[in-house]
PDB file of N, CA and C in Angstrom:
ATOM      1  N   MET A   1      30.532 -40.612 -16.107  1.00  0.00           N
ATOM      2  CA  MET A   1      30.408 -39.822 -15.661  1.00  0.00           C
ATOM      3  C   MET A   1      31.901 -39.579 -15.347  1.00  0.00           C
ATOM      4  N   ASP A   2      31.569 -37.923 -15.507  1.00  0.00           N
ATOM      5  CA  ASP A   2      33.207 -37.233 -15.504  1.00  0.00           C
ATOM      6  C   ASP A   2      33.666 -37.433 -13.346  1.00  0.00           C
ATOM      7  N   LYS A   3      35.166 -37.187 -14.102  1.00  0.00           N
ATOM      8  CA  LYS A   3      36.260 -37.250 -13.455  1.00  0.00           C
ATOM      9  C   LYS A   3      35.597 -36.490 -12.045  1.00  0.00           C
ATOM     10  N   ASP A   4      35.167 -35.133 -12.140  1.00  0.00           N
ATOM     11  CA  ASP A   4      34.849 -34.093 -11.034  1.00  0.00           C
ATOM     12  C   ASP A   4      33.724 -35.062 -10.500  1.00  0.00           C
ATOM     13  N   ASP A   5      32.771 -35.539 -11.127  1.00  0.00           N
ATOM     14  CA  ASP A   5      31.556 -35.861 -10.197  1.00  0.00           C
ATOM     15  C   ASP A   5      32.339 -37.291  -8.706  1.00  0.00           C
ATOM     16  N   GLN A   6      33.370 -37.378  -9.338  1.00  0.00           N
ATOM     17  CA  GLN A   6      33.669 -38.389  -8.145  1.00  0.00           C
ATOM     18  C   GLN A   6      34.661 -38.301  -7.566  1.00  0.00           C
ATOM     19  N   LEU A   7      35.286 -36.870  -7.962  1.00  0.00           N
ATOM     20  CA  LEU A   7      36.074 -36.313  -6.379  1.00  0.00           C
ATOM     21  C   LEU A   7      36.552 -36.523  -5.620  1.00  0.00           C
ATOM     22  N   LEU A   8      34.925 -36.075  -4.475  1.00  0.00           N
ATOM     23  CA  LEU A   8      35.076 -36.385  -3.209  1.00  0.00           C
ATOM     24  C   LEU A   8      34.873 -37.435  -2.909  1.00  0.00           C
ATOM     25  N   ALA A   9      34.404 -38.422  -3.800  1.00  0.00           N
ATOM     26  CA  ALA A   9      34.521 -39.891  -3.215  1.00  0.00           C
ATOM     27  C   ALA A   9      36.036 -40.343  -3.152  1.00  0.00           C
ATOM     28  N   VAL A  10      37.021 -40.182  -4.578  1.00  0.00           N
ATOM     29  CA  VAL A  10      38.054 -40.626  -4.256  1.00  0.00           C
ATOM     30  C   VAL A  10      38.926 -40.208  -3.034  1.00  0.00           C
ATOM     31  N   MET A  11      38.600 -38.431  -2.365  1.00  0.00           N
ATOM     32  CA  MET A  11      39.259 -37.851  -2.108  1.00  0.00           C
ATOM     33  C   MET A  11      38.786 -38.544  -0.252  1.00  0.00           C
ATOM     34  N   VAL A  12      37.584 -38.757  -0.034  1.00  0.00           N
ATOM     35  CA  VAL A  12      37.326 -39.439   1.463  1.00  0.00           C
ATOM     36  C   VAL A  12      38.448 -40.998   1.360  1.00  0.00           C
ATOM     37  N   ARG A  13      37.895 -41.604   0.435  1.00  0.00           N
ATOM     38  CA  ARG A  13      39.179 -42.710   0.390  1.00  0.00           C
ATOM     39  C   ARG A  13      40.463 -42.958   0.589  1.00  0.00           C
ATOM     40  N   ARG A  14      41.254 -42.155  -0.113  1.00  0.00           N
ATOM     41  CA  ARG A  14      42.081 -41.495   0.199  1.00  0.00           C
ATOM     42  C   ARG A  14      42.875 -40.896   1.257  1.00  0.00           C
ATOM     43  N   ASN A  15      41.837 -39.800   2.076  1.00  0.00           N
ATOM     44  CA  ASN A  15      41.760 -39.633   3.376  1.00  0.00           C
ATOM     45  C   ASN A  15      42.606 -41.216   4.062  1.00  0.00           C
ATOM     46  N   TRP A  16      41.463 -41.981   4.492  1.00  0.00           N
ATOM     47  CA  TRP A  16      42.048 -43.055   4.666  1.00  0.00           C
ATOM     48  C   TRP A  16      43.614 -43.898   4.659  1.00  0.00           C
ATOM     49  N   TYR A  17      43.847 -43.529   3.193  1.00  0.00           N
ATOM     50  CA  TYR A  17      45.002 -44.201   2.864  1.00  0.00           C
ATOM     51  C   TYR A  17      46.429 -43.583   3.424  1.00  0.00           C
ATOM     52  N   ILE A  18      46.245 -42.203   3.407  1.00  0.00           N
ATOM     53  CA  ILE A  18      47.230 -41.294   3.950  1.00  0.00           C
ATOM     54  C   ILE A  18      47.008 -41.459   5.354  1.00  0.00           C
ATOM     55  N   LEU A  19      46.053 -41.695   6.159  1.00  0.00           N
ATOM     56  CA  LEU A  19      46.140 -42.084   7.465  1.00  0.00           C
ATOM     57  C   LEU A  19      46.901 -43.414   8.065  1.00  0.00           C
ATOM     58  N   ALA A  20      46.588 -44.036   7.360  1.00  0.00           N
ATOM     59  CA  ALA A  20      47.236 -45.569   7.327  1.00  0.00           C
ATOM     60  C   ALA A  20      48.716 -45.291   7.213  1.00  0.00           C
ATOM     61  N   LEU A  21      49.298 -44.656   6.114  1.00  0.00           N
ATOM     62  CA  LEU A  21      50.560 -44.517   5.957  1.00  0.00           C
ATOM     63  C   LEU A  21      51.112 -43.931   6.722  1.00  0.00           C
ATOM     64  N   LEU A  22      50.525 -42.719   7.282  1.00  0.00           N
ATOM     65  CA  LEU A  22      51.219 -41.715   8.802  1.00  0.00           C
ATOM     66  C   LEU A  22      51.118 -43.052   9.908  1.00  0.00           C
ATOM     67  N   VAL A  23      50.345 -42.918  10.340  1.00  0.00           N
ATOM     68  CA  VAL A  23      50.358 -44.506  11.390  1.00  0.00           C
ATOM     69  C   VAL A  23      51.213 -45.564  10.972  1.00  0.00           C
ATOM     70  N   LEU A  24      51.357 -46.213   9.741  1.00  0.00           N
ATOM     71  CA  LEU A  24      52.056 -47.139   9.805  1.00  0.00           C
ATOM     72  C   LEU A  24      54.158 -46.320  10.332  1.00  0.00           C
ATOM     73  N   ALA A  25      54.124 -45.055   9.671  1.00  0.00           N
ATOM     74  CA  ALA A  25      55.690 -44.153   9.520  1.00  0.00           C
ATOM     75  C   ALA A  25      55.467 -43.677  11.121  1.00  0.00           C
ATOM     76  N   SER A  26      54.511 -43.663  12.081  1.00  0.00           N
ATOM     77  CA  SER A  26      54.745 -43.422  13.396  1.00  0.00           C
ATOM     78  C   SER A  26      55.124 -44.352  14.260  1.00  0.00           C
ATOM     79  N   LEU A  27      54.783 -45.348  13.530  1.00  0.00           N
ATOM     80  CA  LEU A  27      54.821 -46.772  14.238  1.00  0.00           C
ATOM     81  C   LEU A  27      57.138 -46.990  14.551  1.00  0.00           C
ATOM     82  N   LEU A  28      57.780 -46.159  13.430  1.00  0.00           N
ATOM     83  CA  LEU A  28      59.010 -46.248  13.805  1.00  0.00           C
ATOM     84  C   LEU A  28      59.690 -45.675  14.680  1.00  0.00           C
ATOM     85  N   TRP A  29      58.739 -44.946  15.310  1.00  0.00           N
ATOM     86  CA  TRP A  29      59.335 -44.547  16.462  1.00  0.00           C
ATOM     87  C   TRP A  29      58.947 -44.844  17.861  1.00  0.00           C
ATOM     88  N   ARG A  30      58.462 -46.233  17.478  1.00  0.00           N
ATOM     89  CA  ARG A  30      58.451 -46.925  18.946  1.00  0.00           C
ATOM     90  C   ARG A  30      57.792 -46.643  20.186  1.00  0.00           C
ATOM     91  N   SER A  31      56.504 -45.649  20.169  1.00  0.00           N
ATOM     92  CA  SER A  31      56.375 -44.551  21.000  1.00  0.00           C
ATOM     93  C   SER A  31      54.781 -44.640  20.658  1.00  0.00           C
ATOM     94  N   VAL A  32      53.811 -44.761  22.024  1.00  0.00           N
ATOM     95  CA  VAL A  32      52.452 -45.219  21.900  1.00  0.00           C
ATOM     96  C   VAL A  32      51.777 -43.913  21.619  1.00  0.00           C
ATOM     97  N   ALA A  33      52.589 -43.355  22.648  1.00  0.00           N
ATOM     98  CA  ALA A  33      51.778 -41.327  22.170  1.00  0.00           C
ATOM     99  C   ALA A  33      52.051 -40.854  20.779  1.00  0.00           C
ATOM    100  N   VAL A  34      52.646 -41.138  20.426  1.00  0.00           N
ATOM    101  CA  VAL A  34      53.424 -41.028  18.862  1.00  0.00           C
ATOM    102  C   VAL A  34      52.058 -41.365  17.938  1.00  0.00           C
ATOM    103  N   THR A  35      51.858 -42.707  18.015  1.00  0.00           N
ATOM    104  CA  THR A  35      51.035 -43.338  17.177  1.00  0.00           C
ATOM    105  C   THR A  35      49.689 -42.973  17.520  1.00  0.00           C
ATOM    106  N   GLN A  36      49.331 -43.100  18.956  1.00  0.00           N
ATOM    107  CA  GLN A  36      48.325 -42.383  19.405  1.00  0.00           C
ATOM    108  C   GLN A  36      47.774 -40.879  18.901  1.00  0.00           C
ATOM    109  N   GLY A  37      48.428 -40.453  18.819  1.00  0.00           N
ATOM    110  CA  GLY A  37      48.578 -38.554  18.424  1.00  0.00           C
ATOM    111  C   GLY A  37      48.173 -38.867  16.941  1.00  0.00           C
ATOM    112  N   VAL A  38      48.737 -39.446  16.468  1.00  0.00           N
ATOM    113  CA  VAL A  38      48.759 -39.499  14.573  1.00  0.00           C
ATOM    114  C   VAL A  38      47.571 -40.255  14.115  1.00  0.00           C
ATOM    115  N   LEU A  39      47.378 -41.397  14.999  1.00  0.00           N
ATOM    116  CA  LEU A  39      45.715 -41.889  14.656  1.00  0.00           C
ATOM    117  C   LEU A  39      44.113 -40.763  15.268  1.00  0.00           C
ATOM    118  N   ALA A  40      44.724 -40.107  16.313  1.00  0.00           N
ATOM    119  CA  ALA A  40      43.378 -39.402  17.162  1.00  0.00           C
ATOM    120  C   ALA A  40      43.343 -37.752  15.911  1.00  0.00           C
ATOM    121  N   GLY A  41      44.487 -37.764  15.681  1.00  0.00           N
ATOM    122  CA  GLY A  41      44.580 -36.221  14.486  1.00  0.00           C
ATOM    123  C   GLY A  41      44.012 -36.887  13.529  1.00  0.00           C
ATOM    124  N   GLY A  42      44.456 -37.916  12.840  1.00  0.00           N
ATOM    125  CA  GLY A  42      43.942 -38.277  11.453  1.00  0.00           C
ATOM    126  C   GLY A  42      42.185 -38.475  11.578  1.00  0.00           C
ATOM    127  N   LEU A  43      42.039 -38.970  12.690  1.00  0.00           N
ATOM    128  CA  LEU A  43      40.458 -39.824  12.906  1.00  0.00           C
ATOM    129  C   LEU A  43      39.588 -37.931  12.833  1.00  0.00           C
ATOM    130  N   LEU A  44      40.394 -37.113  13.588  1.00  0.00           N
ATOM    131  CA  LEU A  44      39.682 -36.061  13.783  1.00  0.00           C
ATOM    132  C   LEU A  44      39.615 -35.319  13.243  1.00  0.00           C
ATOM    133  N   ALA A  45      40.660 -35.665  11.773  1.00  0.00           N
ATOM    134  CA  ALA A  45      40.727 -34.349  10.927  1.00  0.00           C
ATOM    135  C   ALA A  45      39.497 -35.102   9.533  1.00  0.00           C
ATOM    136  N   ILE A  46      39.332 -36.548   9.369  1.00  0.00           N
ATOM    137  CA  ILE A  46      38.685 -37.270   8.530  1.00  0.00           C
ATOM    138  C   ILE A  46      37.114 -36.752   8.784  1.00  0.00           C
ATOM    139  N   ILE A  47      36.326 -36.737  10.435  1.00  0.00           N
ATOM    140  CA  ILE A  47      35.679 -36.370  11.096  1.00  0.00           C
ATOM    141  C   ILE A  47      35.248 -35.373  10.578  1.00  0.00           C
ATOM    142  N   ALA A  48      36.285 -34.364  10.980  1.00  0.00           N
ATOM    143  CA  ALA A  48      35.466 -32.650  10.840  1.00  0.00           C
ATOM    144  C   ALA A  48      35.346 -32.185   9.298  1.00  0.00           C
ATOM    145  N   TYR A  49      36.178 -33.259   8.485  1.00  0.00           N
ATOM    146  CA  TYR A  49      36.026 -32.396   6.676  1.00  0.00           C
ATOM    147  C   TYR A  49      34.420 -33.112   6.553  1.00  0.00           C
ATOM    148  N   GLY A  50      34.346 -34.597   6.971  1.00  0.00           N
ATOM    149  CA  GLY A  50      32.865 -35.505   6.838  1.00  0.00           C
ATOM    150  C   GLY A  50      31.541 -34.357   6.935  1.00  0.00           C
ATOM    151  N   TRP A  51      32.131 -33.698   8.502  1.00  0.00           N
ATOM    152  CA  TRP A  51      30.460 -32.942   8.978  1.00  0.00           C
ATOM    153  C   TRP A  51      30.848 -31.846   8.413  1.00  0.00           C
ATOM    154  N   LEU A  52      31.530 -31.232   8.208  1.00  0.00           N
ATOM    155  CA  LEU A  52      32.016 -29.884   6.879  1.00  0.00           C
ATOM    156  C   LEU A  52      31.045 -30.319   5.977  1.00  0.00           C
ATOM    157  N   HIS A  53      31.413 -31.459   4.838  1.00  0.00           N
ATOM    158  CA  HIS A  53      30.757 -31.926   4.106  1.00  0.00           C
ATOM    159  C   HIS A  53      29.333 -32.156   3.527  1.00  0.00           C
ATOM    160  N   ARG A  54      29.031 -32.425   5.103  1.00  0.00           N
ATOM    161  CA  ARG A  54      27.352 -32.694   5.136  1.00  0.00           C
ATOM    162  C   ARG A  54      27.144 -31.023   5.656  1.00  0.00           C
ATOM    163  N   SER A  55      27.215 -30.464   6.235  1.00  0.00           N
ATOM    164  CA  SER A  55      26.769 -28.881   6.533  1.00  0.00           C
ATOM    165  C   SER A  55      27.052 -27.966   5.162  1.00  0.00           C
ATOM    166  N   LEU A  56      27.888 -28.446   4.187  1.00  0.00           N
ATOM    167  CA  LEU A  56      27.737 -27.788   3.245  1.00  0.00           C
ATOM    168  C   LEU A  56      26.742 -27.791   2.397  1.00  0.00           C
ATOM    169  N   LEU A  57      26.532 -29.296   2.195  1.00  0.00           N
ATOM    170  CA  LEU A  57      25.221 -29.466   1.447  1.00  0.00           C
ATOM    171  C   LEU A  57      24.358 -29.022   1.962  1.00  0.00           C
ATOM    172  N   LYS A  58      23.813 -29.457   2.976  1.00  0.00           N
ATOM    173  CA  LYS A  58      22.463 -29.009   4.238  1.00  0.00           C
ATOM    174  C   LYS A  58      22.620 -27.411   3.556  1.00  0.00           C
ATOM    175  N   ALA A  59      23.200 -26.278   3.780  1.00  0.00           N
ATOM    176  CA  ALA A  59      23.030 -24.973   3.321  1.00  0.00           C
ATOM    177  C   ALA A  59      22.976 -24.986   2.128  1.00  0.00           C
ATOM    178  N   LEU A  60      23.746 -25.891   0.872  1.00  0.00           N
ATOM    179  CA  LEU A  60      23.682 -25.604  -0.506  1.00  0.00           C
ATOM    180  C   LEU A  60      22.191 -26.083  -1.131  1.00  0.00           C
ATOM    181  N   THR A  61      21.617 -26.966  -0.484  1.00  0.00           N
ATOM    182  CA  THR A  61      20.339 -27.260  -0.928  1.00  0.00           C
ATOM    183  C   THR A  61      19.450 -26.935  -0.313  1.00  0.00           C
ATOM    184  N   ASN A  62      19.293 -25.742   0.723  1.00  0.00           N
ATOM    185  CA  ASN A  62      18.802 -25.053   0.934  1.00  0.00           C
ATOM    186  C   ASN A  62      18.875 -23.338   1.170  1.00  0.00           C
ATOM    187  N   PRO A  63      19.011 -23.042  -0.098  1.00  0.00           N
ATOM    188  CA  PRO A  63      19.542 -21.464   0.095  1.00  0.00           C
ATOM    189  C   PRO A  63      18.810 -20.720   0.499  1.00  0.00           C
ATOM    190  N   ASP A  64      18.080 -20.541   1.843  1.00  0.00           N
ATOM    191  CA  ASP A  64      17.497 -19.598   2.560  1.00  0.00           C
ATOM    192  C   ASP A  64      18.543 -18.750   3.450  1.00  0.00           C
ATOM    193  N   GLN A  65      17.453 -18.095   3.961  1.00  0.00           N
ATOM    194  CA  GLN A  65      18.442 -17.364   5.463  1.00  0.00           C
ATOM    195  C   GLN A  65      18.588 -18.115   6.476  1.00  0.00           C
ATOM    196  N   CYS A  66      17.819 -18.904   6.505  1.00  0.00           N
ATOM    197  CA  CYS A  66      17.480 -19.600   7.378  1.00  0.00           C
ATOM    198  C   CYS A  66      19.161 -21.227   7.571  1.00  0.00           C
ATOM    199  N   ALA A  67      19.403 -21.544   6.343  1.00  0.00           N
ATOM    200  CA  ALA A  67      20.300 -22.177   6.011  1.00  0.00           C
ATOM    201  C   ALA A  67      22.096 -21.849   6.004  1.00  0.00           C
ATOM    202  N   ALA A  68      21.685 -20.650   5.830  1.00  0.00           N
ATOM    203  CA  ALA A  68      22.597 -19.577   5.852  1.00  0.00           C
ATOM    204  C   ALA A  68      23.462 -19.584   7.930  1.00  0.00           C
ATOM    205  N   ARG A  69      22.230 -19.205   8.181  1.00  0.00           N
ATOM    206  CA  ARG A  69      22.523 -19.291   9.699  1.00  0.00           C
ATOM    207  C   ARG A  69      22.657 -20.553  10.533  1.00  0.00           C
ATOM    208  N   GLY A  70      22.257 -21.469  10.276  1.00  0.00           N
ATOM    209  CA  GLY A  70      22.365 -22.545  10.705  1.00  0.00           C
ATOM    210  C   GLY A  70      24.124 -23.127   9.727  1.00  0.00           C
ATOM    211  N   PHE A  71      24.309 -22.668   9.059  1.00  0.00           N
ATOM    212  CA  PHE A  71      25.603 -23.165   9.004  1.00  0.00           C
ATOM    213  C   PHE A  71      26.743 -22.305   9.859  1.00  0.00           C
ATOM    214  N   GLN A  72      26.272 -21.083  10.149  1.00  0.00           N
ATOM    215  CA  GLN A  72      26.921 -20.385  10.975  1.00  0.00           C
ATOM    216  C   GLN A  72      27.449 -20.981  11.806  1.00  0.00           C
ATOM    217  N   ARG A  73      26.289 -22.025  12.454  1.00  0.00           N
ATOM    218  CA  ARG A  73      26.152 -22.219  13.776  1.00  0.00           C
ATOM    219  C   ARG A  73      27.122 -23.457  13.905  1.00  0.00           C
ATOM    220  N   THR A  74      26.646 -24.509  12.719  1.00  0.00           N
ATOM    221  CA  THR A  74      27.640 -25.392  12.737  1.00  0.00           C
ATOM    222  C   THR A  74      28.693 -25.478  12.360  1.00  0.00           C
ATOM    223  N   TYR A  75      29.020 -24.228  12.324  1.00  0.00           N
ATOM    224  CA  TYR A  75      30.652 -23.911  11.749  1.00  0.00           C
ATOM    225  C   TYR A  75      31.661 -23.268  13.469  1.00  0.00           C
ATOM    226  N   PHE A  76      30.895 -22.752  14.310  1.00  0.00           N
ATOM    227  CA  PHE A  76      31.216 -22.410  15.245  1.00  0.00           C
ATOM    228  C   PHE A  76      31.258 -23.776  16.561  1.00  0.00           C
ATOM    229  N   LEU A  77      30.465 -24.497  16.179  1.00  0.00           N
ATOM    230  CA  LEU A  77      30.012 -25.770  17.291  1.00  0.00           C
ATOM    231  C   LEU A  77      31.030 -27.141  16.973  1.00  0.00           C
ATOM    232  N   ARG A  78      31.460 -26.808  15.450  1.00  0.00           N
ATOM    233  CA  ARG A  78      32.249 -27.909  14.884  1.00  0.00           C
ATOM    234  C   ARG A  78      33.731 -27.383  15.535  1.00  0.00           C
ATOM    235  N   LEU A  79      33.677 -26.006  15.244  1.00  0.00           N
ATOM    236  CA  LEU A  79      35.241 -25.408  15.829  1.00  0.00           C
ATOM    237  C   LEU A  79      35.391 -25.653  17.512  1.00  0.00           C
ATOM    238  N   ALA A  80      34.305 -25.049  18.264  1.00  0.00           N
ATOM    239  CA  ALA A  80      34.294 -25.828  19.824  1.00  0.00           C
ATOM    240  C   ALA A  80      34.745 -27.304  19.730  1.00  0.00           C
ATOM    241  N   ALA A  81      34.175 -27.997  19.156  1.00  0.00           N
ATOM    242  CA  ALA A  81      34.316 -29.616  19.318  1.00  0.00           C
ATOM    243  C   ALA A  81      35.935 -29.770  19.080  1.00  0.00           C
ATOM    244  N   LEU A  82      36.042 -29.243  18.192  1.00  0.00           N
ATOM    245  CA  LEU A  82      37.135 -29.596  17.493  1.00  0.00           C
ATOM    246  C   LEU A  82      38.485 -29.428  18.974  1.00  0.00           C
ATOM    247  N   SER A  83      38.127 -27.783  18.984  1.00  0.00           N
ATOM    248  CA  SER A  83      38.906 -27.547  19.999  1.00  0.00           C
ATOM    249  C   SER A  83      39.039 -28.287  21.077  1.00  0.00           C
ATOM    250  N   ALA A  84      37.847 -28.825  21.899  1.00  0.00           N
ATOM    251  CA  ALA A  84      37.954 -29.575  23.099  1.00  0.00           C
ATOM    252  C   ALA A  84      38.432 -30.976  23.402  1.00  0.00           C
ATOM    253  N   ALA A  85      38.709 -31.542  21.864  1.00  0.00           N
ATOM    254  CA  ALA A  85      39.052 -32.500  21.627  1.00  0.00           C
ATOM    255  C   ALA A  85      40.215 -32.370  21.673  1.00  0.00           C
ATOM    256  N   ILE A  86      40.675 -31.576  20.670  1.00  0.00           N
ATOM    257  CA  ILE A  86      42.492 -31.316  20.638  1.00  0.00           C
ATOM    258  C   ILE A  86      43.021 -31.351  22.323  1.00  0.00           C
ATOM    259  N   PHE A  87      42.481 -30.294  22.586  1.00  0.00           N
ATOM    260  CA  PHE A  87      42.522 -30.249  24.335  1.00  0.00           C
ATOM    261  C   PHE A  87      42.465 -31.308  25.244  1.00  0.00           C
ATOM    262  N   LEU A  88      41.327 -31.690  25.295  1.00  0.00           N
ATOM    263  CA  LEU A  88      41.504 -33.393  25.760  1.00  0.00           C
ATOM    264  C   LEU A  88      42.897 -33.900  25.283  1.00  0.00           C
ATOM    265  N   LEU A  89      42.851 -34.484  24.109  1.00  0.00           N
ATOM    266  CA  LEU A  89      43.695 -35.343  23.664  1.00  0.00           C
ATOM    267  C   LEU A  89      44.917 -34.836  24.356  1.00  0.00           C
ATOM    268  N   ILE A  90      45.284 -34.000  24.278  1.00  0.00           N
ATOM    269  CA  ILE A  90      46.788 -33.359  24.958  1.00  0.00           C
ATOM    270  C   ILE A  90      46.859 -33.020  26.445  1.00  0.00           C
ATOM    271  N   VAL A  91      45.910 -33.230  26.817  1.00  0.00           N
ATOM    272  CA  VAL A  91      46.079 -32.726  28.368  1.00  0.00           C
ATOM    273  C   VAL A  91      45.565 -34.229  28.939  1.00  0.00           C
ATOM    274  N   LYS A  92      44.723 -34.662  28.647  1.00  0.00           N
ATOM    275  CA  LYS A  92      44.376 -35.356  29.474  1.00  0.00           C
ATOM    276  C   LYS A  92      44.542 -37.279  28.428  1.00  0.00           C
ATOM    277  N   GLY A  93      44.492 -37.063  27.185  1.00  0.00           N
ATOM    278  CA  GLY A  93      44.560 -38.416  27.095  1.00  0.00           C
ATOM    279  C   GLY A  93      46.298 -39.129  26.656  1.00  0.00           C
ATOM    280  N   GLY A  94      47.572 -37.437  26.795  1.00  0.00           N
ATOM    281  CA  GLY A  94      49.201 -37.720  26.803  1.00  0.00           C
ATOM    282  C   GLY A  94      49.378 -38.572  25.308  1.00  0.00           C
ATOM    283  N   VAL A  95      48.731 -37.837  24.584  1.00  0.00           N
ATOM    284  CA  VAL A  95      49.441 -37.906  23.125  1.00  0.00           C
ATOM    285  C   VAL A  95      49.706 -36.741  22.755  1.00  0.00           C
ATOM    286  N   HIS A  96      50.995 -37.249  21.520  1.00  0.00           N
ATOM    287  CA  HIS A  96      52.402 -36.234  21.439  1.00  0.00           C
ATOM    288  C   HIS A  96      51.585 -35.214  20.475  1.00  0.00           C
ATOM    289  N   PRO A  97      51.497 -33.862  21.285  1.00  0.00           N
ATOM    290  CA  PRO A  97      51.315 -32.818  20.050  1.00  0.00           C
ATOM    291  C   PRO A  97      51.556 -32.713  18.577  1.00  0.00           C
ATOM    292  N   ALA A  98      53.462 -32.610  18.277  1.00  0.00           N
ATOM    293  CA  ALA A  98      53.440 -32.947  16.870  1.00  0.00           C
ATOM    294  C   ALA A  98      52.801 -33.809  16.674  1.00  0.00           C
ATOM    295  N   ALA A  99      52.642 -35.601  16.625  1.00  0.00           N
ATOM    296  CA  ALA A  99      51.858 -36.354  16.153  1.00  0.00           C
ATOM    297  C   ALA A  99      50.668 -36.027  15.944  1.00  0.00           C
ATOM    298  N   LEU A 100      50.044 -35.044  16.782  1.00  0.00           N
ATOM    299  CA  LEU A 100      48.710 -34.665  16.977  1.00  0.00           C
ATOM    300  C   LEU A 100      48.143 -34.165  15.733  1.00  0.00           C
ATOM    301  N   SER A 101      49.496 -32.904  15.040  1.00  0.00           N
ATOM    302  CA  SER A 101      49.099 -32.247  14.158  1.00  0.00           C
ATOM    303  C   SER A 101      49.843 -32.675  12.996  1.00  0.00           C
ATOM    304  N   ALA A 102      50.392 -33.378  13.001  1.00  0.00           N
ATOM    305  CA  ALA A 102      51.042 -34.909  11.599  1.00  0.00           C
ATOM    306  C   ALA A 102      49.369 -35.366  10.914  1.00  0.00           C
ATOM    307  N   GLY A 103      49.122 -35.934  12.225  1.00  0.00           N
ATOM    308  CA  GLY A 103      47.338 -36.859  11.902  1.00  0.00           C
ATOM    309  C   GLY A 103      46.262 -35.433  11.544  1.00  0.00           C
ATOM    310  N   LEU A 104      46.589 -34.595  11.897  1.00  0.00           N
ATOM    311  CA  LEU A 104      45.300 -33.479  11.770  1.00  0.00           C
ATOM    312  C   LEU A 104      45.800 -32.727  10.062  1.00  0.00           C
ATOM    313  N   SER A 105      46.865 -33.753   9.993  1.00  0.00           N
ATOM    314  CA  SER A 105      47.205 -32.508   8.182  1.00  0.00           C
ATOM    315  C   SER A 105      46.939 -33.603   7.333  1.00  0.00           C
ATOM    316  N   VAL A 106      46.347 -34.646   7.377  1.00  0.00           N
ATOM    317  CA  VAL A 106      45.914 -35.709   6.766  1.00  0.00           C
ATOM    318  C   VAL A 106      44.876 -34.963   5.206  1.00  0.00           C
ATOM    319  N   VAL A 107      43.864 -34.542   5.587  1.00  0.00           N
ATOM    320  CA  VAL A 107      42.938 -34.095   5.045  1.00  0.00           C
ATOM    321  C   VAL A 107      43.751 -32.534   4.005  1.00  0.00           C
ATOM    322  N   ILE A 108      44.669 -32.039   4.843  1.00  0.00           N
ATOM    323  CA  ILE A 108      45.706 -30.828   3.685  1.00  0.00           C
ATOM    324  C   ILE A 108      46.024 -31.668   3.339  1.00  0.00           C
ATOM    325  N   VAL A 109      47.322 -32.728   3.196  1.00  0.00           N
ATOM    326  CA  VAL A 109      48.217 -33.647   2.313  1.00  0.00           C
ATOM    327  C   VAL A 109      47.731 -33.925   1.283  1.00  0.00           C
ATOM    328  N   ASN A 110      46.357 -34.754   1.438  1.00  0.00           N
ATOM    329  CA  ASN A 110      45.540 -35.341   0.328  1.00  0.00           C
ATOM    330  C   ASN A 110      44.753 -33.724  -0.780  1.00  0.00           C
ATOM    331  N   ILE A 111      44.901 -32.544  -0.203  1.00  0.00           N
ATOM    332  CA  ILE A 111      44.133 -31.878  -0.612  1.00  0.00           C
ATOM    333  C   ILE A 111      45.234 -31.442  -1.948  1.00  0.00           C
ATOM    334  N   PHE A 112      45.994 -31.343  -1.135  1.00  0.00           N
ATOM    335  CA  PHE A 112      47.605 -31.036  -2.391  1.00  0.00           C
ATOM    336  C   PHE A 112      48.071 -31.941  -3.168  1.00  0.00           C
ATOM    337  N   TRP A 113      47.962 -32.832  -2.667  1.00  0.00           N
ATOM    338  CA  TRP A 113      47.693 -33.936  -4.078  1.00  0.00           C
ATOM    339  C   TRP A 113      46.707 -34.077  -4.951  1.00  0.00           C
ATOM    340  N   THR A 114      45.687 -33.889  -4.229  1.00  0.00           N
ATOM    341  CA  THR A 114      44.875 -33.984  -5.382  1.00  0.00           C
ATOM    342  C   THR A 114      44.826 -33.024  -6.319  1.00  0.00           C
ATOM    343  N   THR A 115      45.412 -31.691  -5.638  1.00  0.00           N
ATOM    344  CA  THR A 115      45.747 -30.846  -6.777  1.00  0.00           C
ATOM    345  C   THR A 115      46.700 -30.766  -7.272  1.00  0.00           C
ATOM    346  N   PHE A 116      47.797 -31.165  -6.919  1.00  0.00           N
ATOM    347  CA  PHE A 116      48.876 -31.492  -7.503  1.00  0.00           C
ATOM    348  C   PHE A 116      48.702 -32.190  -9.064  1.00  0.00           C
ATOM    349  N   ARG A 117      48.313 -33.424  -8.477  1.00  0.00           N
ATOM    350  CA  ARG A 117      47.632 -34.424  -9.958  1.00  0.00           C
ATOM    351  C   ARG A 117      46.721 -34.122 -10.387  1.00  0.00           C
ATOM    352  N   ARG A 118      45.668 -32.879  -9.913  1.00  0.00           N
ATOM    353  CA  ARG A 118      44.764 -31.967 -11.080  1.00  0.00           C
ATOM    354  C   ARG A 118      45.548 -31.360 -12.314  1.00  0.00           C
ATOM    355  N   MET A 119      46.448 -30.765 -11.789  1.00  0.00           N
ATOM    356  CA  MET A 119      48.122 -29.680 -12.560  1.00  0.00           C
ATOM    357  C   MET A 119      48.041 -30.436 -13.507  1.00  0.00           C
ATOM    358  N   LEU A 120      48.699 -31.629 -12.979  1.00  0.00           N
ATOM    359  CA  LEU A 120      49.630 -32.475 -14.291  1.00  0.00           C
ATOM    360  C   LEU A 120      48.332 -32.832 -15.743  1.00  0.00           C
TER     361      LEU A 120
END
């Protein structure tokens, strides 16, 4: 099996490692709102990444016009769900917005890390 075949599984696992490191780093602030923000943001990012992956697989395995429209619908549904979750976490959940942003960056950090490693 090729390294590219295992790339997605490695990235999914690394998302959890990065989230764990960010949550541990957030403990230095000794603030529940900060730690909850990092954790909630990371979980949202990982869930959204998995949702996007499933939607893309579904659209690519059945490449007809209905699959493209279905992907567009799930894209907007995912965007609305994430927006609502972020809004509720900040307004009702009391999480720190900067910590939430740090948690949401889990997948971005992973993509940058993977790109950097593959360039070497």
